[in-house]
């Protein structure tokens, strides 16, 4: 093992490198990265202050986990090959999941998309789970999990069973991942139990990414978040509940994984499809129950608010104030922080499924390029805020998941019920903070362009006689022309709620071949 002073020099050099990189990067992209970096430091300090054993914290897993997450994010989001690779992978996953349509249309009919959630999204879970069981039977999934687990073992310094479960959570979810080390849960320390639950709450399994991608959420960011979540969840777990005992499970034992009880490949696929029934049913009934409950809560709050001359009181408004500081510390734009806070509320009190569905609606509204405010109400967020929200929501950490996680571990080791219940609450908090830290890393590394308000640009430029060939004007005009519907002379509908005069000016400026400018009337 290298001497202590050598390790200190290595870590000091890495930290100084990050600081100098952040300084130069901030000078290039603006000061928003500093807010995300400050938020990261605040979260680490809060975790340390409220740690179960603050004097027992070992900083190698903490720095190793956050450092590995930062390195992965840097390679994926800030290098050309890394970004291209994950963009390509995201498109392939999207194309792969579209094959679900063949089975869904056969079972539910050609009009199955009329019930998009039930017959379009949920069948993806069936398809993906069947594929995962097939890979598990072939031994490929165990091999991948072993390699990723070994990587986190040597870089983060977590224990063998913590590393294996964290790696498994990337692919198979928080109820299945503990089964990889089922025989060793009974001997796990309380810190290890806490880490196992934290990694489950901080990650999203590959088999549920399909519906979120179909919602319109960026597959590149979802895949990146899924990979980045494992190391940071271990870092947060070891900071919030440090190890005070001696782990008993060895590396050799933890890396042993059963192939499964399927006798052939077809049986494995069938077992996977059958196993997805409980997952699909769990999501469906929870959505029905929670959305119905949300409607009732909002009605009750509106009734109560009406008594106080504030009828717009709702669950969303309450969440926007509770979680706004957390969203702002991640680097979300100030005016967007309340909207992201609402999404965090959906995820925390209900499920991430609801949160991503609401986020997808905000993304669609931004792409329509309509007014950002209607009657004083904000309609959508900036691209940067959407990106940070995508990472911050990427985790199973919700109150609805808490009982299921406890039940999973107690079924494996019932006599550890008291220990499991004791660590569960802190694990949920740790998993949620892990997602917030992931949002901070995304905010530091995000190089998304600053959004431009095309309505404001058209109003200022066309009315004041300013130069009309600037980059922003041309970009807005291209967006307007691409979203315009032209039927014939006098029958032209501008896209993005823009005026006919703006459309006519853009048409004369760019002279597109796809639109006859004389068709555009001078006024409505």
Protein backbone atom coordinates (compact mmCIF):
# COMPACT_ATOMS: atom_id res chain seq x y z
CA UNK A 1 0.00 0.00 0.00
CA UNK A 2 1.38 3.48 -0.86
CA UNK A 3 2.55 5.59 2.10
CA UNK A 4 0.05 7.98 3.67
CA UNK A 5 1.90 11.11 2.54
CA UNK A 6 1.80 9.92 -1.08
CA UNK A 7 -1.99 9.45 -0.96
CA UNK A 8 -2.36 12.89 0.60
CA UNK A 9 -0.33 14.43 -2.23
CA UNK A 10 -2.48 12.64 -4.83
CA UNK A 11 -5.76 13.80 -3.29
CA UNK A 12 -4.48 17.35 -2.78
CA UNK A 13 -3.39 17.50 -6.41
CA UNK A 14 -6.78 16.27 -7.60
CA UNK A 15 -8.64 18.80 -5.45
CA UNK A 16 -6.42 21.66 -6.65
CA UNK A 17 -6.93 20.49 -10.23
CA UNK A 18 -10.71 20.62 -9.81
CA UNK A 19 -10.53 24.09 -8.22
CA UNK A 20 -8.38 25.53 -11.03
CA UNK A 21 -10.50 23.85 -13.69
CA UNK A 22 -13.61 25.32 -12.07
CA UNK A 23 -12.06 28.81 -12.09
CA UNK A 24 -11.22 28.68 -15.80
CA UNK A 25 -14.49 26.99 -16.70
CA UNK A 26 -16.47 29.60 -14.79
CA UNK A 27 -14.64 32.36 -16.62
CA UNK A 28 -15.69 30.72 -19.88
CA UNK A 29 -19.30 29.75 -19.17
CA UNK A 30 -20.37 32.15 -16.43
CA UNK A 31 -20.86 32.07 -12.68
CA UNK A 32 -23.70 29.55 -12.54
CA UNK A 33 -21.21 26.70 -12.11
CA UNK A 34 -20.03 28.29 -8.85
CA UNK A 35 -23.53 28.04 -7.37
CA UNK A 36 -23.59 24.30 -8.10
CA UNK A 37 -20.10 23.87 -6.62
CA UNK A 38 -21.13 25.80 -3.51
CA UNK A 39 -24.24 23.64 -3.22
CA UNK A 40 -22.09 20.50 -3.37
CA UNK A 41 -19.96 21.78 -0.48
CA UNK A 42 -23.06 22.70 1.55
CA UNK A 43 -24.57 19.23 1.13
CA UNK A 44 -21.31 17.55 2.21
CA UNK A 45 -21.07 19.81 5.28
CA UNK A 46 -24.71 19.13 6.25
CA UNK A 47 -24.21 15.38 5.90
CA UNK A 48 -21.13 15.58 8.12
CA UNK A 49 -22.87 17.69 10.77
CA UNK A 50 -25.84 15.30 10.97
CA UNK A 51 -23.76 12.14 10.56
CA UNK A 52 -24.53 9.21 12.86
CA UNK A 53 -20.88 9.10 13.96
CA UNK A 54 -19.16 12.29 12.73
CA UNK A 55 -15.92 11.51 14.53
CA UNK A 56 -15.72 8.09 12.83
CA UNK A 57 -15.97 9.34 9.24
CA UNK A 58 -13.40 7.85 6.87
CA UNK A 59 -12.88 10.39 4.12
CA UNK A 60 -11.50 8.04 1.50
CA UNK A 61 -14.93 6.59 0.55
CA UNK A 62 -16.45 10.08 0.61
CA UNK A 63 -13.84 11.73 -1.60
CA UNK A 64 -13.44 8.59 -3.70
CA UNK A 65 -17.17 8.31 -4.45
CA UNK A 66 -17.67 11.99 -5.29
CA UNK A 67 -14.40 12.03 -7.24
CA UNK A 68 -15.36 8.98 -9.30
CA UNK A 69 -18.76 10.51 -10.02
CA UNK A 70 -17.14 13.78 -11.09
CA UNK A 71 -14.67 11.93 -13.31
CA UNK A 72 -17.44 9.91 -14.98
CA UNK A 73 -19.48 13.06 -15.54
CA UNK A 74 -16.46 14.89 -16.93
CA UNK A 75 -15.67 12.08 -19.38
CA UNK A 76 -19.28 11.75 -20.53
CA UNK A 77 -20.50 15.35 -20.57
CA UNK A 78 -17.36 17.33 -21.36
CA UNK A 79 -15.37 15.19 -23.80
CA UNK A 80 -16.40 14.80 -27.42
CA UNK A 81 -15.96 11.00 -27.59
CA UNK A 82 -17.71 10.45 -24.25
CA UNK A 83 -20.70 12.61 -25.13
CA UNK A 84 -20.98 11.11 -28.61
CA UNK A 85 -20.78 7.59 -27.16
CA UNK A 86 -23.62 8.18 -24.69
CA UNK A 87 -25.71 10.04 -27.26
CA UNK A 88 -25.29 7.07 -29.58
CA UNK A 89 -26.09 4.66 -26.74
CA UNK A 90 -29.18 6.68 -25.84
CA UNK A 91 -30.46 6.51 -29.41
CA UNK A 92 -29.81 2.77 -29.55
CA UNK A 93 -31.73 2.22 -26.31
CA UNK A 94 -34.58 4.32 -27.68
CA UNK A 95 -34.64 2.30 -30.91
CA UNK A 96 -34.38 -0.96 -28.99
CA UNK A 97 -37.35 -0.11 -26.77
CA UNK A 98 -39.50 0.80 -29.78
CA UNK A 99 -39.68 -2.92 -30.56
CA UNK A 100 -42.11 -3.11 -27.63
CA UNK A 101 -44.72 -1.65 -29.99
CA UNK A 102 -44.91 -4.95 -31.89
CA UNK A 103 -46.11 -6.84 -28.82
CA UNK A 104 -48.27 -4.00 -27.48
CA UNK A 105 -50.13 -3.49 -30.77
CA UNK A 106 -50.76 -7.23 -31.12
CA UNK A 107 -52.22 -7.56 -27.61
CA UNK A 108 -54.05 -4.23 -27.28
CA UNK A 109 -54.85 -3.44 -30.92
CA UNK A 110 -53.69 -0.79 -33.36
CA UNK A 111 -55.15 2.02 -31.24
CA UNK A 112 -53.14 1.05 -28.17
CA UNK A 113 -51.50 4.49 -28.07
CA UNK A 114 -54.88 5.99 -27.15
CA UNK A 115 -54.01 4.82 -23.64
CA UNK A 116 -50.38 5.85 -23.74
CA UNK A 117 -49.32 5.12 -20.18
CA UNK A 118 -51.01 1.75 -19.76
CA UNK A 119 -50.40 0.28 -23.21
CA UNK A 120 -47.29 2.13 -24.42
CA UNK A 121 -45.06 2.81 -21.41
CA UNK A 122 -45.77 -0.09 -19.07
CA UNK A 123 -45.20 -2.80 -21.74
CA UNK A 124 -41.64 -1.47 -22.01
CA UNK A 125 -41.06 -2.69 -18.46
CA UNK A 126 -42.19 -6.18 -19.49
CA UNK A 127 -39.87 -6.22 -22.49
CA UNK A 128 -36.83 -4.83 -20.67
CA UNK A 129 -37.26 -7.12 -17.64
CA UNK A 130 -37.45 -10.15 -19.93
CA UNK A 131 -34.21 -9.05 -21.61
CA UNK A 132 -32.51 -8.59 -18.22
CA UNK A 133 -33.46 -12.14 -17.19
CA UNK A 134 -32.09 -13.41 -20.48
CA UNK A 135 -28.76 -11.64 -19.86
CA UNK A 136 -28.75 -12.96 -16.30
CA UNK A 137 -29.21 -16.53 -17.54
CA UNK A 138 -26.32 -16.09 -19.99
CA UNK A 139 -24.11 -14.83 -17.16
CA UNK A 140 -23.40 -11.51 -18.88
CA UNK A 141 -25.20 -9.41 -16.27
CA UNK A 142 -23.26 -10.99 -13.39
CA UNK A 143 -19.99 -10.35 -15.23
CA UNK A 144 -20.82 -6.66 -15.76
CA UNK A 145 -21.92 -6.21 -12.14
CA UNK A 146 -18.74 -7.88 -10.87
CA UNK A 147 -16.54 -5.55 -12.93
CA UNK A 148 -18.38 -2.39 -11.88
CA UNK A 149 -18.48 -3.58 -8.26
CA UNK A 150 -14.74 -4.25 -8.32
CA UNK A 151 -14.12 -0.77 -9.78
CA UNK A 152 -16.00 0.88 -6.92
CA UNK A 153 -14.34 -1.42 -4.39
CA UNK A 154 -10.85 -0.25 -5.37
CA UNK A 155 -11.67 3.41 -6.09
CA UNK A 156 -14.29 4.27 -3.48
CA UNK A 157 -13.07 1.88 -0.81
CA UNK A 158 -16.53 0.56 0.07
CA UNK A 159 -17.01 -2.96 1.42
CA UNK A 160 -17.53 -5.89 -0.99
CA UNK A 161 -21.29 -6.31 -0.50
CA UNK A 162 -21.87 -2.53 -0.67
CA UNK A 163 -19.98 -2.35 -3.96
CA UNK A 164 -21.83 -5.30 -5.52
CA UNK A 165 -25.28 -4.02 -4.52
CA UNK A 166 -24.45 -0.50 -5.74
CA UNK A 167 -23.39 -1.93 -9.11
CA UNK A 168 -26.49 -4.11 -9.27
CA UNK A 169 -28.79 -1.15 -8.62
CA UNK A 170 -27.74 0.37 -11.94
CA UNK A 171 -29.42 -2.50 -13.77
CA UNK A 172 -31.95 -4.37 -11.64
CA UNK A 173 -33.43 -2.03 -9.02
CA UNK A 174 -33.49 -1.68 -5.26
CA UNK A 175 -35.71 -4.71 -4.57
CA UNK A 176 -33.66 -7.15 -6.66
CA UNK A 177 -30.09 -5.89 -6.06
CA UNK A 178 -29.89 -7.10 -2.41
CA UNK A 179 -30.66 -10.61 -3.68
CA UNK A 180 -27.21 -10.62 -5.31
CA UNK A 181 -25.71 -10.90 -1.80
CA UNK A 182 -28.71 -12.59 -0.19
CA UNK A 183 -26.62 -15.03 1.80
CA UNK A 184 -24.54 -12.30 3.43
CA UNK A 185 -27.22 -9.79 4.51
CA UNK A 186 -27.51 -11.58 7.86
CA UNK A 187 -23.87 -10.74 8.67
CA UNK A 188 -23.90 -7.18 7.31
CA UNK A 189 -23.00 -4.35 9.66
CA UNK A 190 -25.54 -1.58 10.31
CA UNK A 191 -23.45 0.76 8.17
CA UNK A 192 -23.55 -1.77 5.33
CA UNK A 193 -27.33 -2.13 5.67
CA UNK A 194 -27.59 1.65 5.52
CA UNK A 195 -25.40 1.77 2.40
CA UNK A 196 -27.40 -1.00 0.69
CA UNK A 197 -30.65 0.93 1.21
CA UNK A 198 -29.07 4.28 0.30
CA UNK A 199 -27.77 3.02 -3.04
CA UNK A 200 -31.24 1.67 -3.80
CA UNK A 201 -32.90 5.02 -3.07
CA UNK A 202 -30.27 7.00 -5.00
CA UNK A 203 -30.36 5.04 -8.27
CA UNK A 204 -32.86 4.16 -10.98
CA UNK A 205 -32.70 0.70 -12.53
CA UNK A 206 -32.21 0.24 -16.24
CA UNK A 207 -35.54 -1.56 -16.62
CA UNK A 208 -37.55 1.60 -15.82
CA UNK A 209 -35.56 4.03 -17.99
CA UNK A 210 -37.66 3.11 -21.03
CA UNK A 211 -40.84 4.90 -19.97
CA UNK A 212 -38.90 8.01 -18.94
CA UNK A 213 -37.13 8.11 -22.31
CA UNK A 214 -40.51 7.74 -24.03
CA UNK A 215 -41.78 10.69 -22.00
CA UNK A 216 -39.27 12.81 -23.91
CA UNK A 217 -36.60 13.03 -21.20
CA UNK A 218 -33.06 13.09 -22.64
CA UNK A 219 -31.80 9.47 -22.87
CA UNK A 220 -28.21 10.72 -22.71
CA UNK A 221 -28.75 12.41 -19.35
CA UNK A 222 -30.80 9.51 -17.98
CA UNK A 223 -28.11 6.96 -18.84
CA UNK A 224 -25.38 9.25 -17.49
CA UNK A 225 -27.29 9.80 -14.25
CA UNK A 226 -27.87 6.07 -13.85
CA UNK A 227 -24.12 5.39 -14.08
CA UNK A 228 -23.04 8.36 -11.95
CA UNK A 229 -25.46 7.64 -9.13
CA UNK A 230 -23.76 4.49 -7.81
CA UNK A 231 -20.42 5.92 -6.57
CA UNK A 232 -21.90 9.09 -5.05
CA UNK A 233 -24.54 7.09 -3.18
CA UNK A 234 -21.77 5.07 -1.52
CA UNK A 235 -19.92 8.28 -0.63
CA UNK A 236 -23.02 9.80 0.98
CA UNK A 237 -23.88 6.55 2.78
CA UNK A 238 -20.43 6.28 4.38
CA UNK A 239 -20.53 9.96 5.39
CA UNK A 240 -24.04 9.86 6.87
CA UNK A 241 -23.53 6.51 8.68
CA UNK A 242 -19.79 5.73 8.96
CA UNK A 243 -18.54 2.21 9.52
CA UNK A 244 -17.82 1.47 13.20
CA UNK A 245 -17.71 -2.34 12.94
CA UNK A 246 -15.62 -4.82 10.99
CA UNK A 247 -17.33 -6.16 7.83
CA UNK A 248 -17.33 -9.96 7.71
CA UNK A 249 -18.03 -10.60 4.03
CA UNK A 250 -14.95 -11.07 1.86
CA UNK A 251 -14.47 -9.99 -1.73
CA UNK A 252 -14.51 -13.60 -2.91
CA UNK A 253 -17.83 -14.29 -1.19
CA UNK A 254 -19.53 -11.10 -2.39
CA UNK A 255 -18.53 -11.71 -6.00
CA UNK A 256 -20.25 -15.11 -6.04
CA UNK A 257 -23.53 -14.81 -7.92
CA UNK A 258 -25.94 -17.52 -8.89
CA UNK A 259 -26.79 -18.02 -12.55
CA UNK A 260 -30.47 -18.55 -11.73
CA UNK A 261 -32.87 -21.48 -11.78
CA UNK A 262 -33.89 -21.20 -15.45
CA UNK A 263 -33.20 -24.40 -17.38
CA UNK A 264 -32.92 -22.74 -20.79
CA UNK A 265 -32.99 -19.35 -22.48
CA UNK A 266 -36.69 -19.41 -23.36
CA UNK A 267 -37.63 -20.21 -19.78
CA UNK A 268 -35.47 -17.31 -18.58
CA UNK A 269 -37.29 -14.91 -20.93
CA UNK A 270 -40.66 -16.24 -19.78
CA UNK A 271 -39.68 -15.90 -16.11
CA UNK A 272 -38.56 -12.33 -16.74
CA UNK A 273 -41.85 -11.41 -18.39
CA UNK A 274 -43.78 -13.01 -15.53
CA UNK A 275 -41.62 -11.28 -12.92
CA UNK A 276 -42.45 -7.91 -14.47
CA UNK A 277 -46.14 -8.36 -13.62
CA UNK A 278 -45.62 -7.26 -10.02
CA UNK A 279 -43.51 -4.27 -11.13
CA UNK A 280 -46.08 -3.12 -13.70
CA UNK A 281 -48.93 -3.61 -11.24
CA UNK A 282 -47.01 -1.79 -8.50
CA UNK A 283 -46.44 1.25 -10.72
CA UNK A 284 -50.00 1.28 -12.09
CA UNK A 285 -51.82 1.01 -8.76
CA UNK A 286 -49.49 3.50 -7.09
CA UNK A 287 -50.08 6.04 -9.85
CA UNK A 288 -53.83 5.63 -9.50
CA UNK A 289 -53.70 5.92 -5.72
CA UNK A 290 -51.21 8.78 -5.47
CA UNK A 291 -52.68 10.93 -8.23
CA UNK A 292 -56.16 10.47 -6.77
CA UNK A 293 -54.77 11.40 -3.36
CA UNK A 294 -53.02 14.43 -4.87
CA UNK A 295 -56.30 15.60 -6.39
CA UNK A 296 -58.04 15.23 -3.01
CA UNK A 297 -55.24 17.02 -1.14
CA UNK A 298 -55.29 19.92 -3.61
CA UNK A 299 -59.07 20.22 -3.28
CA UNK A 300 -58.81 20.25 0.51
CA UNK A 301 -55.98 22.80 0.46
CA UNK A 302 -57.90 25.00 -1.98
CA UNK A 303 -60.94 24.88 0.31
CA UNK A 304 -58.80 25.78 3.31
CA UNK A 305 -56.97 28.47 1.35
CA UNK A 306 -60.27 29.96 0.24
CA UNK A 307 -61.07 30.59 3.89
CA UNK A 308 -57.86 32.63 4.07
CA UNK A 309 -58.48 34.42 0.75
CA UNK A 310 -55.80 32.26 -0.90
CA UNK A 311 -57.75 29.74 -3.04
CA UNK A 312 -54.68 28.83 -5.13
CA UNK A 313 -53.10 27.03 -2.16
CA UNK A 314 -52.00 23.56 -3.33
CA UNK A 315 -49.58 20.73 -2.67
CA UNK A 316 -47.35 22.05 -5.46
CA UNK A 317 -47.11 25.52 -3.93
CA UNK A 318 -46.20 24.09 -0.52
CA UNK A 319 -43.49 21.88 -2.07
CA UNK A 320 -42.15 24.81 -4.09
CA UNK A 321 -41.33 26.66 -0.87
CA UNK A 322 -40.07 23.61 1.06
CA UNK A 323 -37.66 22.35 -1.60
CA UNK A 324 -36.78 25.64 -3.31
CA UNK A 325 -33.52 26.12 -1.31
CA UNK A 326 -32.39 22.62 -2.28
CA UNK A 327 -33.09 23.17 -5.98
CA UNK A 328 -31.37 26.57 -5.99
CA UNK A 329 -28.26 25.12 -4.30
CA UNK A 330 -27.96 22.65 -7.18
CA UNK A 331 -27.47 25.58 -9.56
CA UNK A 332 -31.00 25.86 -10.92
CA UNK A 333 -31.84 29.34 -12.21
CA UNK A 334 -33.58 31.40 -9.51
CA UNK A 335 -36.86 31.82 -11.39
CA UNK A 336 -36.90 28.08 -12.17
CA UNK A 337 -36.04 26.90 -8.66
CA UNK A 338 -39.69 26.86 -7.56
CA UNK A 339 -40.69 24.70 -10.54
CA UNK A 340 -37.89 22.20 -9.86
CA UNK A 341 -38.90 22.21 -6.18
CA UNK A 342 -42.40 21.10 -7.20
CA UNK A 343 -40.90 18.20 -9.17
CA UNK A 344 -38.79 17.19 -6.16
CA UNK A 345 -41.97 17.22 -4.07
CA UNK A 346 -43.71 14.89 -6.53
CA UNK A 347 -40.73 12.54 -6.44
CA UNK A 348 -40.30 12.58 -2.65
CA UNK A 349 -43.92 12.21 -1.58
CA UNK A 350 -45.17 10.15 -4.53
CA UNK A 351 -42.82 8.57 -7.11
CA UNK A 352 -40.18 9.65 -9.59
CA UNK A 353 -42.56 8.37 -12.30
CA UNK A 354 -44.96 11.24 -11.59
CA UNK A 355 -42.09 13.74 -11.39
CA UNK A 356 -40.63 12.75 -14.76
CA UNK A 357 -44.07 12.82 -16.37
CA UNK A 358 -44.55 16.41 -15.15
CA UNK A 359 -41.01 17.32 -16.26
CA UNK A 360 -41.76 15.99 -19.75
CA UNK A 361 -44.70 18.39 -20.03
CA UNK A 362 -42.43 21.31 -19.16
CA UNK A 363 -39.93 20.16 -21.79
CA UNK A 364 -42.70 19.99 -24.41
CA UNK A 365 -43.87 23.51 -23.55
CA UNK A 366 -40.34 24.86 -23.95
CA UNK A 367 -39.95 23.16 -27.32
CA UNK A 368 -43.18 24.80 -28.49
CA UNK A 369 -41.36 28.13 -27.97
CA UNK A 370 -44.44 29.85 -26.58
CA UNK A 371 -44.48 32.72 -24.07
CA UNK A 372 -42.58 31.84 -20.92
CA UNK A 373 -45.17 33.58 -18.74
CA UNK A 374 -48.95 33.53 -19.21
CA UNK A 375 -50.99 35.69 -16.82
CA UNK A 376 -47.95 35.90 -14.57
CA UNK A 377 -47.56 32.10 -14.35
CA UNK A 378 -44.31 30.55 -15.58
CA UNK A 379 -44.91 27.89 -18.24
CA UNK A 380 -41.51 26.21 -18.64
CA UNK A 381 -37.86 26.26 -17.54
CA UNK A 382 -34.46 26.82 -19.10
CA UNK A 383 -32.55 23.93 -20.67
CA UNK A 384 -30.00 24.08 -17.85
CA UNK A 385 -32.70 23.76 -15.20
CA UNK A 386 -34.25 20.82 -17.07
CA UNK A 387 -30.86 19.11 -17.18
CA UNK A 388 -30.22 19.54 -13.45
CA UNK A 389 -33.77 18.37 -12.65
CA UNK A 390 -33.24 15.22 -14.75
CA UNK A 391 -30.28 14.24 -12.54
CA UNK A 392 -31.88 15.34 -9.26
CA UNK A 393 -34.97 13.19 -9.90
CA UNK A 394 -32.96 10.11 -10.90
CA UNK A 395 -33.54 7.90 -7.87
CA UNK A 396 -36.13 5.66 -6.23
CA UNK A 397 -35.95 7.72 -3.03
CA UNK A 398 -39.56 8.38 -2.07
CA UNK A 399 -41.77 7.75 0.93
CA UNK A 400 -43.74 5.22 -1.12
CA UNK A 401 -40.54 3.20 -1.73
CA UNK A 402 -39.52 3.12 1.93
CA UNK A 403 -41.89 0.34 2.99
CA UNK A 404 -41.03 -1.81 -0.02
CA UNK A 405 -37.29 -1.50 0.67
CA UNK A 406 -37.75 -2.47 4.33
CA UNK A 407 -39.93 -5.42 3.36
CA UNK A 408 -37.34 -6.66 0.83
CA UNK A 409 -34.50 -6.79 3.36
CA UNK A 410 -36.61 -8.22 6.20
CA UNK A 411 -37.72 -11.06 3.90
CA UNK A 412 -34.04 -11.90 3.40
CA UNK A 413 -33.00 -11.59 7.07
CA UNK A 414 -36.05 -11.35 9.32
CA UNK A 415 -34.04 -11.39 12.56
CA UNK A 416 -32.36 -8.12 11.44
CA UNK A 417 -35.75 -6.37 11.31
CA UNK A 418 -34.90 -3.89 14.08
CA UNK A 419 -31.57 -2.93 12.49
CA UNK A 420 -33.18 -2.52 9.07
CA UNK A 421 -35.94 -0.30 10.47
CA UNK A 422 -33.36 1.75 12.38
CA UNK A 423 -31.33 2.64 9.27
CA UNK A 424 -34.22 3.03 6.80
CA UNK A 425 -35.16 6.64 7.57
CA UNK A 426 -31.60 7.91 7.38
CA UNK A 427 -31.05 5.88 4.20
CA UNK A 428 -34.00 7.62 2.52
CA UNK A 429 -32.56 11.03 3.43
CA UNK A 430 -29.10 9.96 2.25
CA UNK A 431 -30.48 8.65 -1.04
CA UNK A 432 -32.34 11.91 -1.65
CA UNK A 433 -29.25 14.01 -0.89
CA UNK A 434 -27.24 11.76 -3.22
CA UNK A 435 -29.58 12.74 -6.04
CA UNK A 436 -29.18 16.41 -5.11
CA UNK A 437 -25.38 16.07 -5.21
CA UNK A 438 -25.73 14.46 -8.62
CA UNK A 439 -27.70 17.54 -9.66
CA UNK A 440 -24.84 19.72 -8.38
CA UNK A 441 -22.31 17.75 -10.45
CA UNK A 442 -24.56 18.13 -13.50
CA UNK A 443 -24.76 21.86 -12.81
CA UNK A 444 -20.97 22.13 -12.60
CA UNK A 445 -20.39 20.15 -15.78
CA UNK A 446 -23.42 21.26 -17.77
CA UNK A 447 -22.51 23.38 -20.78
CA UNK A 448 -26.06 23.85 -22.04
CA UNK A 449 -26.59 27.14 -23.85
CA UNK A 450 -28.35 30.02 -22.15
CA UNK A 451 -31.95 30.07 -23.32
CA UNK A 452 -33.07 33.04 -25.40
CA UNK A 453 -36.52 34.59 -25.26
CA UNK A 454 -37.51 34.88 -28.91
CA UNK A 455 -40.60 36.97 -28.19
CA UNK A 456 -38.46 39.52 -26.38
CA UNK A 457 -35.80 39.46 -29.11
CA UNK A 458 -38.32 39.98 -31.93
CA UNK A 459 -40.02 42.80 -30.05
CA UNK A 460 -36.77 44.65 -29.35
CA UNK A 461 -35.10 44.02 -32.71
CA UNK A 462 -37.90 44.44 -35.26
CA UNK A 463 -39.50 47.43 -33.53
CA UNK A 464 -36.29 49.37 -32.87
CA UNK A 465 -34.50 48.94 -36.18
CA UNK A 466 -31.57 47.07 -34.62
CA UNK A 467 -29.46 44.77 -36.85
CA UNK A 468 -31.57 41.76 -37.76
CA UNK A 469 -28.84 39.31 -38.74
CA UNK A 470 -27.52 38.59 -35.25
CA UNK A 471 -27.08 34.99 -34.12
CA UNK A 472 -30.02 35.14 -31.69
CA UNK A 473 -32.39 36.65 -34.26
CA UNK A 474 -31.45 34.12 -36.94
CA UNK A 475 -31.80 31.24 -34.46
CA UNK A 476 -35.23 32.46 -33.37
CA UNK A 477 -36.34 32.98 -36.97
CA UNK A 478 -35.25 29.46 -37.92
CA UNK A 479 -37.23 28.07 -34.99
CA UNK A 480 -40.28 30.15 -35.95
CA UNK A 481 -40.21 29.14 -39.62
CA UNK A 482 -39.74 25.44 -38.82
CA UNK A 483 -42.85 25.47 -36.58
CA UNK A 484 -45.08 27.47 -38.95
CA UNK A 485 -47.98 25.81 -40.79
CA UNK A 486 -48.71 27.19 -44.29
CA UNK A 487 -51.79 25.94 -46.18
CA UNK A 488 -51.96 28.56 -48.91
CA UNK A 489 -52.17 32.32 -49.57
CA UNK A 490 -53.53 34.04 -46.46
CA UNK A 491 -53.71 30.73 -44.59
CA UNK A 492 -50.53 30.76 -42.55
CA UNK A 493 -50.33 29.91 -38.83
CA UNK A 494 -47.13 31.08 -37.08
CA UNK A 495 -45.54 28.65 -34.64
CA UNK A 496 -44.73 29.36 -31.01
CA UNK A 497 -47.56 31.89 -30.56
CA UNK A 498 -45.61 34.49 -32.56
CA UNK A 499 -47.23 37.31 -34.52
CA UNK A 500 -47.70 37.38 -38.28
CA UNK A 501 -45.53 40.50 -38.48
CA UNK A 502 -42.61 38.66 -36.83
CA UNK A 503 -43.12 35.74 -39.20
CA UNK A 504 -43.18 38.03 -42.24
CA UNK A 505 -39.99 39.82 -41.16
CA UNK A 506 -38.23 36.49 -40.54
CA UNK A 507 -39.38 35.18 -43.89
CA UNK A 508 -38.01 38.24 -45.70
CA UNK A 509 -34.77 37.96 -43.72
CA UNK A 510 -34.03 34.27 -44.34
CA UNK A 511 -35.98 33.75 -47.60
CA UNK A 512 -36.76 30.07 -46.95
CA UNK A 513 -37.47 27.79 -49.89
CA UNK A 514 -40.24 26.01 -47.98
CA UNK A 515 -42.47 29.06 -47.48
CA UNK A 516 -43.76 31.67 -49.93
CA UNK A 517 -43.46 34.97 -48.08
CA UNK A 518 -46.29 36.53 -50.12
CA UNK A 519 -48.70 34.06 -48.51
CA UNK A 520 -48.28 35.76 -45.14
CA UNK A 521 -50.98 38.42 -44.61
CA UNK A 522 -50.01 41.80 -43.21
CA UNK A 523 -52.42 41.49 -40.30
CA UNK A 524 -54.92 39.12 -38.76
